[in-house]
């Protein structure tokens, strides 16, 4: 399990896992998840970590259908 799932379990937060078999040849994890889970691509999100000018790390959560702008 992921750390997030373990934290949810420990805190007794209700959740539902949606799993699928990953195809290593898939070009995009997010688009593959969207397709295999039958969810619209704009309703599936990806978590990205980026380093900004000050060298700080930021975490972003954006739809799979979007691209993170570093501007």
Protein backbone atom coordinates (compact mmCIF):
# COMPACT_ATOMS: atom_id res chain seq x y z
CA UNK A 1 0.00 0.00 0.00
CA UNK A 2 1.02 3.61 -0.45
CA UNK A 3 1.77 5.81 2.57
CA UNK A 4 -1.48 7.71 1.89
CA UNK A 5 -3.53 4.51 2.07
CA UNK A 6 -1.79 3.48 5.28
CA UNK A 7 -2.52 6.89 6.84
CA UNK A 8 -6.18 6.69 5.78
CA UNK A 9 -6.46 3.21 7.29
CA UNK A 10 -4.85 4.30 10.56
CA UNK A 11 -7.12 7.37 10.79
CA UNK A 12 -10.16 5.26 9.84
CA UNK A 13 -10.89 7.53 6.88
CA UNK A 14 -13.22 5.85 4.39
CA UNK A 15 -11.67 5.34 0.96
CA UNK A 16 -12.03 3.18 -2.12
CA UNK A 17 -9.11 1.81 -4.09
CA UNK A 18 -9.50 1.68 -7.85
CA UNK A 19 -6.96 -0.73 -9.29
CA UNK A 20 -6.00 -1.89 -12.74
CA UNK A 21 -3.16 -3.83 -14.32
CA UNK A 22 -0.48 -1.43 -15.55
CA UNK A 23 0.86 -1.89 -19.07
CA UNK A 24 4.61 -1.09 -19.02
CA UNK A 25 4.38 0.00 -22.67
CA UNK A 26 1.84 2.72 -21.83
CA UNK A 27 3.09 6.22 -22.68
CA UNK A 28 1.12 7.94 -19.88
CA UNK A 29 0.21 6.57 -16.45
CA UNK A 30 -2.64 9.07 -16.10
CA UNK A 31 -4.20 8.46 -19.49
CA UNK A 32 -3.87 4.72 -18.97
CA UNK A 33 -5.59 4.99 -15.57
CA UNK A 34 -8.36 7.10 -17.09
CA UNK A 35 -8.95 4.60 -19.87
CA UNK A 36 -8.78 1.45 -17.74
CA UNK A 37 -10.93 2.87 -14.93
CA UNK A 38 -13.49 4.35 -17.32
CA UNK A 39 -13.11 7.88 -15.93
CA UNK A 40 -12.92 11.03 -18.06
CA UNK A 41 -9.31 12.20 -18.40
CA UNK A 42 -10.18 15.57 -16.81
CA UNK A 43 -11.42 13.79 -13.66
CA UNK A 44 -8.18 11.87 -13.07
CA UNK A 45 -5.43 13.85 -11.34
CA UNK A 46 -1.67 13.59 -11.20
CA UNK A 47 0.61 14.75 -8.43
CA UNK A 48 3.80 16.47 -9.56
CA UNK A 49 6.73 17.77 -7.53
CA UNK A 50 8.69 20.68 -9.01
CA UNK A 51 11.59 22.84 -7.89
CA UNK A 52 10.96 26.56 -8.18
CA UNK A 53 13.54 29.36 -8.62
CA UNK A 54 14.26 29.64 -4.92
CA UNK A 55 15.08 25.93 -4.92
CA UNK A 56 11.97 25.23 -2.87
CA UNK A 57 10.00 22.15 -3.77
CA UNK A 58 6.31 22.55 -4.53
CA UNK A 59 3.67 19.88 -4.92
CA UNK A 60 0.99 20.31 -7.55
CA UNK A 61 -2.19 18.40 -8.21
CA UNK A 62 -3.52 18.85 -11.74
CA UNK A 63 -5.82 16.97 -14.11
CA UNK A 64 -4.10 14.38 -16.29
CA UNK A 65 -5.41 16.34 -19.29
CA UNK A 66 -3.32 19.39 -18.24
CA UNK A 67 0.36 20.27 -18.45
CA UNK A 68 2.19 22.03 -15.62
CA UNK A 69 3.59 25.39 -16.70
CA UNK A 70 6.89 26.26 -15.05
CA UNK A 71 6.43 29.98 -15.79
